[in-house]
Amino acid sequence: MGIFNRLGREVEQFKQTAKNAAAEDAEYRCRACDARFTAQNDRCPECGAKEVEPTESEA
């Protein structure tokens, strides 16, 4: 395996870890696609649905 392949995999793993950590602390979620985010939006930043609600930890 080349160095660029290894680095690419490590970067992808880091991105997934960061995304999972952010989702755990998210204050809002989309009921349509289950995306999680910290800022309140009228629409989901992932899928555009209007089904945004506070997560259980905030309720």
PDB file of N, CA and C in Angstrom:
ATOM      1  N   MET A   1       0.849  -1.172   0.000  1.00  0.00           N
ATOM      2  CA  MET A   1       0.000   0.000   0.000  1.00  0.00           C
ATOM      3  C   MET A   1       0.894   1.234   0.000  1.00  0.00           C
ATOM      4  N   GLY A   2       0.598   2.152  -0.885  1.00  0.00           N
ATOM      5  CA  GLY A   2       1.393   3.363  -0.979  1.00  0.00           C
ATOM      6  C   GLY A   2       1.071   4.349   0.129  1.00  0.00           C
ATOM      7  N   ILE A   3       1.967   5.297   0.279  1.00  0.00           N
ATOM      8  CA  ILE A   3       1.808   6.284   1.345  1.00  0.00           C
ATOM      9  C   ILE A   3       0.537   7.122   1.146  1.00  0.00           C
ATOM     10  N   PHE A   4       0.192   7.445  -0.093  1.00  0.00           N
ATOM     11  CA  PHE A   4      -0.995   8.257  -0.339  1.00  0.00           C
ATOM     12  C   PHE A   4      -2.274   7.477  -0.046  1.00  0.00           C
ATOM     13  N   ASN A   5      -2.276   6.194  -0.332  1.00  0.00           N
ATOM     14  CA  ASN A   5      -3.434   5.364   0.020  1.00  0.00           C
ATOM     15  C   ASN A   5      -3.611   5.314   1.535  1.00  0.00           C
ATOM     16  N   ARG A   6      -2.509   5.111   2.251  1.00  0.00           N
ATOM     17  CA  ARG A   6      -2.568   5.050   3.710  1.00  0.00           C
ATOM     18  C   ARG A   6      -3.033   6.377   4.296  1.00  0.00           C
ATOM     19  N   LEU A   7      -2.475   7.469   3.801  1.00  0.00           N
ATOM     20  CA  LEU A   7      -2.883   8.787   4.290  1.00  0.00           C
ATOM     21  C   LEU A   7      -4.344   9.069   3.979  1.00  0.00           C
ATOM     22  N   GLY A   8      -4.784   8.674   2.800  1.00  0.00           N
ATOM     23  CA  GLY A   8      -6.192   8.856   2.433  1.00  0.00           C
ATOM     24  C   GLY A   8      -7.120   8.118   3.378  1.00  0.00           C
ATOM     25  N   ARG A   9      -6.754   6.901   3.730  1.00  0.00           N
ATOM     26  CA  ARG A   9      -7.567   6.121   4.664  1.00  0.00           C
ATOM     27  C   ARG A   9      -7.565   6.744   6.051  1.00  0.00           C
ATOM     28  N   GLU A  10      -6.418   7.231   6.486  1.00  0.00           N
ATOM     29  CA  GLU A  10      -6.333   7.863   7.802  1.00  0.00           C
ATOM     30  C   GLU A  10      -7.157   9.149   7.848  1.00  0.00           C
ATOM     31  N   VAL A  11      -7.133   9.924   6.791  1.00  0.00           N
ATOM     32  CA  VAL A  11      -7.927  11.154   6.739  1.00  0.00           C
ATOM     33  C   VAL A  11      -9.415  10.809   6.777  1.00  0.00           C
ATOM     34  N   GLU A  12      -9.825   9.811   6.016  1.00  0.00           N
ATOM     35  CA  GLU A  12     -11.234   9.403   6.013  1.00  0.00           C
ATOM     36  C   GLU A  12     -11.659   8.914   7.394  1.00  0.00           C
ATOM     37  N   GLN A  13     -10.813   8.163   8.064  1.00  0.00           N
ATOM     38  CA  GLN A  13     -11.126   7.689   9.407  1.00  0.00           C
ATOM     39  C   GLN A  13     -11.263   8.870  10.371  1.00  0.00           C
ATOM     40  N   PHE A  14     -10.371   9.848  10.254  1.00  0.00           N
ATOM     41  CA  PHE A  14     -10.450  11.038  11.097  1.00  0.00           C
ATOM     42  C   PHE A  14     -11.754  11.795  10.846  1.00  0.00           C
ATOM     43  N   LYS A  15     -12.127  11.938   9.582  1.00  0.00           N
ATOM     44  CA  LYS A  15     -13.378  12.636   9.249  1.00  0.00           C
ATOM     45  C   LYS A  15     -14.582  11.927   9.866  1.00  0.00           C
ATOM     46  N   GLN A  16     -14.611  10.613   9.787  1.00  0.00           N
ATOM     47  CA  GLN A  16     -15.721   9.858  10.361  1.00  0.00           C
ATOM     48  C   GLN A  16     -15.757   9.994  11.883  1.00  0.00           C
ATOM     49  N   THR A  17     -14.605   9.959  12.517  1.00  0.00           N
ATOM     50  CA  THR A  17     -14.544  10.116  13.969  1.00  0.00           C
ATOM     51  C   THR A  17     -15.038  11.498  14.380  1.00  0.00           C
ATOM     52  N   ALA A  18     -14.611  12.518  13.668  1.00  0.00           N
ATOM     53  CA  ALA A  18     -15.046  13.884  13.966  1.00  0.00           C
ATOM     54  C   ALA A  18     -16.541  14.043  13.739  1.00  0.00           C
ATOM     55  N   LYS A  19     -17.055  13.469  12.676  1.00  0.00           N
ATOM     56  CA  LYS A  19     -18.491  13.559  12.374  1.00  0.00           C
ATOM     57  C   LYS A  19     -19.303  12.860  13.455  1.00  0.00           C
ATOM     58  N   ASN A  20     -18.858  11.708  13.902  1.00  0.00           N
ATOM     59  CA  ASN A  20     -19.566  10.974  14.952  1.00  0.00           C
ATOM     60  C   ASN A  20     -19.542  11.732  16.273  1.00  0.00           C
ATOM     61  N   ALA A  21     -18.418  12.339  16.595  1.00  0.00           N
ATOM     62  CA  ALA A  21     -18.313  13.125  17.829  1.00  0.00           C
ATOM     63  C   ALA A  21     -19.229  14.331  17.780  1.00  0.00           C
ATOM     64  N   ALA A  22     -19.307  14.982  16.647  1.00  0.00           N
ATOM     65  CA  ALA A  22     -20.190  16.143  16.497  1.00  0.00           C
ATOM     66  C   ALA A  22     -21.645  15.724  16.606  1.00  0.00           C
ATOM     67  N   ALA A  23     -21.998  14.573  16.059  1.00  0.00           N
ATOM     68  CA  ALA A  23     -23.378  14.094  16.117  1.00  0.00           C
ATOM     69  C   ALA A  23     -23.798  13.795  17.552  1.00  0.00           C
ATOM     70  N   GLU A  24     -22.872  13.314  18.361  1.00  0.00           N
ATOM     71  CA  GLU A  24     -23.194  13.021  19.755  1.00  0.00           C
ATOM     72  C   GLU A  24     -23.542  14.281  20.538  1.00  0.00           C
ATOM     73  N   ASP A  25     -22.941  15.407  20.188  1.00  0.00           N
ATOM     74  CA  ASP A  25     -23.180  16.665  20.880  1.00  0.00           C
ATOM     75  C   ASP A  25     -24.229  17.540  20.195  1.00  0.00           C
ATOM     76  N   ALA A  26     -24.834  17.044  19.148  1.00  0.00           N
ATOM     77  CA  ALA A  26     -25.777  17.837  18.365  1.00  0.00           C
ATOM     78  C   ALA A  26     -27.014  18.191  19.176  1.00  0.00           C
ATOM     79  N   GLU A  27     -27.505  19.397  18.973  1.00  0.00           N
ATOM     80  CA  GLU A  27     -28.697  19.859  19.664  1.00  0.00           C
ATOM     81  C   GLU A  27     -29.962  19.660  18.831  1.00  0.00           C
ATOM     82  N   TYR A  28     -29.809  19.480  17.520  1.00  0.00           N
ATOM     83  CA  TYR A  28     -30.957  19.333  16.633  1.00  0.00           C
ATOM     84  C   TYR A  28     -30.749  18.149  15.702  1.00  0.00           C
ATOM     85  N   ARG A  29     -31.871  17.588  15.224  1.00  0.00           N
ATOM     86  CA  ARG A  29     -31.804  16.474  14.287  1.00  0.00           C
ATOM     87  C   ARG A  29     -32.922  16.611  13.267  1.00  0.00           C
ATOM     88  N   CYS A  30     -32.698  15.993  12.123  1.00  0.00           N
ATOM     89  CA  CYS A  30     -33.697  15.957  11.062  1.00  0.00           C
ATOM     90  C   CYS A  30     -34.450  14.632  11.172  1.00  0.00           C
ATOM     91  N   ARG A  31     -35.772  14.702  11.237  1.00  0.00           N
ATOM     92  CA  ARG A  31     -36.565  13.474  11.315  1.00  0.00           C
ATOM     93  C   ARG A  31     -36.553  12.716   9.997  1.00  0.00           C
ATOM     94  N   ALA A  32     -36.328  13.405   8.890  1.00  0.00           N
ATOM     95  CA  ALA A  32     -36.355  12.760   7.576  1.00  0.00           C
ATOM     96  C   ALA A  32     -35.107  11.917   7.319  1.00  0.00           C
ATOM     97  N   CYS A  33     -33.918  12.466   7.586  1.00  0.00           N
ATOM     98  CA  CYS A  33     -32.684  11.737   7.255  1.00  0.00           C
ATOM     99  C   CYS A  33     -31.812  11.447   8.477  1.00  0.00           C
ATOM    100  N   ASP A  34     -32.240  11.896   9.668  1.00  0.00           N
ATOM    101  CA  ASP A  34     -31.536  11.695  10.932  1.00  0.00           C
ATOM    102  C   ASP A  34     -30.179  12.395  10.982  1.00  0.00           C
ATOM    103  N   ALA A  35     -29.971  13.413  10.151  1.00  0.00           N
ATOM    104  CA  ALA A  35     -28.761  14.219  10.253  1.00  0.00           C
ATOM    105  C   ALA A  35     -28.818  14.982  11.571  1.00  0.00           C
ATOM    106  N   ARG A  36     -27.667  15.203  12.167  1.00  0.00           N
ATOM    107  CA  ARG A  36     -27.611  15.923  13.433  1.00  0.00           C
ATOM    108  C   ARG A  36     -26.688  17.128  13.288  1.00  0.00           C
ATOM    109  N   PHE A  37     -27.073  18.228  13.917  1.00  0.00           N
ATOM    110  CA  PHE A  37     -26.313  19.466  13.793  1.00  0.00           C
ATOM    111  C   PHE A  37     -26.537  20.321  15.021  1.00  0.00           C
ATOM    112  N   THR A  38     -25.680  21.329  15.217  1.00  0.00           N
ATOM    113  CA  THR A  38     -25.729  22.139  16.432  1.00  0.00           C
ATOM    114  C   THR A  38     -26.529  23.424  16.281  1.00  0.00           C
ATOM    115  N   ALA A  39     -26.634  23.951  15.095  1.00  0.00           N
ATOM    116  CA  ALA A  39     -27.356  25.206  14.894  1.00  0.00           C
ATOM    117  C   ALA A  39     -28.791  24.941  14.463  1.00  0.00           C
ATOM    118  N   GLN A  40     -29.721  25.706  15.021  1.00  0.00           N
ATOM    119  CA  GLN A  40     -31.115  25.543  14.632  1.00  0.00           C
ATOM    120  C   GLN A  40     -31.315  26.105  13.229  1.00  0.00           C
ATOM    121  N   ASN A  41     -31.936  25.338  12.372  1.00  0.00           N
ATOM    122  CA  ASN A  41     -32.201  25.725  10.992  1.00  0.00           C
ATOM    123  C   ASN A  41     -33.667  25.482  10.676  1.00  0.00           C
ATOM    124  N   ASP A  42     -34.197  26.232   9.721  1.00  0.00           N
ATOM    125  CA  ASP A  42     -35.564  25.984   9.265  1.00  0.00           C
ATOM    126  C   ASP A  42     -35.623  24.700   8.441  1.00  0.00           C
ATOM    127  N   ARG A  43     -34.525  24.401   7.765  1.00  0.00           N
ATOM    128  CA  ARG A  43     -34.438  23.207   6.928  1.00  0.00           C
ATOM    129  C   ARG A  43     -33.166  22.436   7.277  1.00  0.00           C
ATOM    130  N   CYS A  44     -33.208  21.144   7.013  1.00  0.00           N
ATOM    131  CA  CYS A  44     -32.046  20.293   7.256  1.00  0.00           C
ATOM    132  C   CYS A  44     -30.924  20.670   6.288  1.00  0.00           C
ATOM    133  N   PRO A  45     -29.714  20.868   6.792  1.00  0.00           N
ATOM    134  CA  PRO A  45     -28.597  21.203   5.906  1.00  0.00           C
ATOM    135  C   PRO A  45     -28.172  20.026   5.021  1.00  0.00           C
ATOM    136  N   GLU A  46     -28.577  18.816   5.363  1.00  0.00           N
ATOM    137  CA  GLU A  46     -28.209  17.639   4.576  1.00  0.00           C
ATOM    138  C   GLU A  46     -29.206  17.362   3.453  1.00  0.00           C
ATOM    139  N   CYS A  47     -30.503  17.292   3.791  1.00  0.00           N
ATOM    140  CA  CYS A  47     -31.498  16.876   2.790  1.00  0.00           C
ATOM    141  C   CYS A  47     -32.504  17.963   2.429  1.00  0.00           C
ATOM    142  N   GLY A  48     -32.543  19.054   3.187  1.00  0.00           N
ATOM    143  CA  GLY A  48     -33.443  20.155   2.879  1.00  0.00           C
ATOM    144  C   GLY A  48     -34.850  20.014   3.446  1.00  0.00           C
ATOM    145  N   ALA A  49     -35.112  18.955   4.195  1.00  0.00           N
ATOM    146  CA  ALA A  49     -36.445  18.745   4.771  1.00  0.00           C
ATOM    147  C   ALA A  49     -36.729  19.776   5.857  1.00  0.00           C
ATOM    148  N   LYS A  50     -37.998  20.050   6.083  1.00  0.00           N
ATOM    149  CA  LYS A  50     -38.408  20.995   7.120  1.00  0.00           C
ATOM    150  C   LYS A  50     -38.651  20.304   8.460  1.00  0.00           C
ATOM    151  N   GLU A  51     -38.299  19.048   8.578  1.00  0.00           N
ATOM    152  CA  GLU A  51     -38.580  18.250   9.762  1.00  0.00           C
ATOM    153  C   GLU A  51     -37.440  18.300  10.763  1.00  0.00           C
ATOM    154  N   VAL A  52     -37.102  19.496  11.243  1.00  0.00           N
ATOM    155  CA  VAL A  52     -36.004  19.690  12.183  1.00  0.00           C
ATOM    156  C   VAL A  52     -36.586  19.780  13.594  1.00  0.00           C
ATOM    157  N   GLU A  53     -35.983  19.067  14.549  1.00  0.00           N
ATOM    158  CA  GLU A  53     -36.463  19.078  15.921  1.00  0.00           C
ATOM    159  C   GLU A  53     -35.272  19.007  16.887  1.00  0.00           C
ATOM    160  N   PRO A  54     -35.488  19.440  18.133  1.00  0.00           N
ATOM    161  CA  PRO A  54     -34.414  19.298  19.127  1.00  0.00           C
ATOM    162  C   PRO A  54     -34.145  17.829  19.401  1.00  0.00           C
ATOM    163  N   THR A  55     -32.907  17.513  19.765  1.00  0.00           N
ATOM    164  CA  THR A  55     -32.587  16.136  20.130  1.00  0.00           C
ATOM    165  C   THR A  55     -33.176  15.853  21.507  1.00  0.00           C
ATOM    166  N   GLU A  56     -33.181  14.613  21.907  1.00  0.00           N
ATOM    167  CA  GLU A  56     -33.760  14.216  23.180  1.00  0.00           C
ATOM    168  C   GLU A  56     -33.059  14.861  24.362  1.00  0.00           C
ATOM    169  N   SER A  57     -31.753  15.081  24.247  1.00  0.00           N
ATOM    170  CA  SER A  57     -31.009  15.653  25.356  1.00  0.00           C
ATOM    171  C   SER A  57     -31.453  17.078  25.673  1.00  0.00           C
ATOM    172  N   GLU A  58     -32.027  17.764  24.666  1.00  0.00           N
ATOM    173  CA  GLU A  58     -32.476  19.138  24.891  1.00  0.00           C
ATOM    174  C   GLU A  58     -33.932  19.188  25.293  1.00  0.00           C
ATOM    175  N   ALA A  59     -34.685  18.165  25.001  1.00  0.00           N
ATOM    176  CA  ALA A  59     -36.129  18.157  25.270  1.00  0.00           C
ATOM    177  C   ALA A  59     -36.460  18.025  26.721  1.00  0.00           C
TER     178      ALA A  59
END
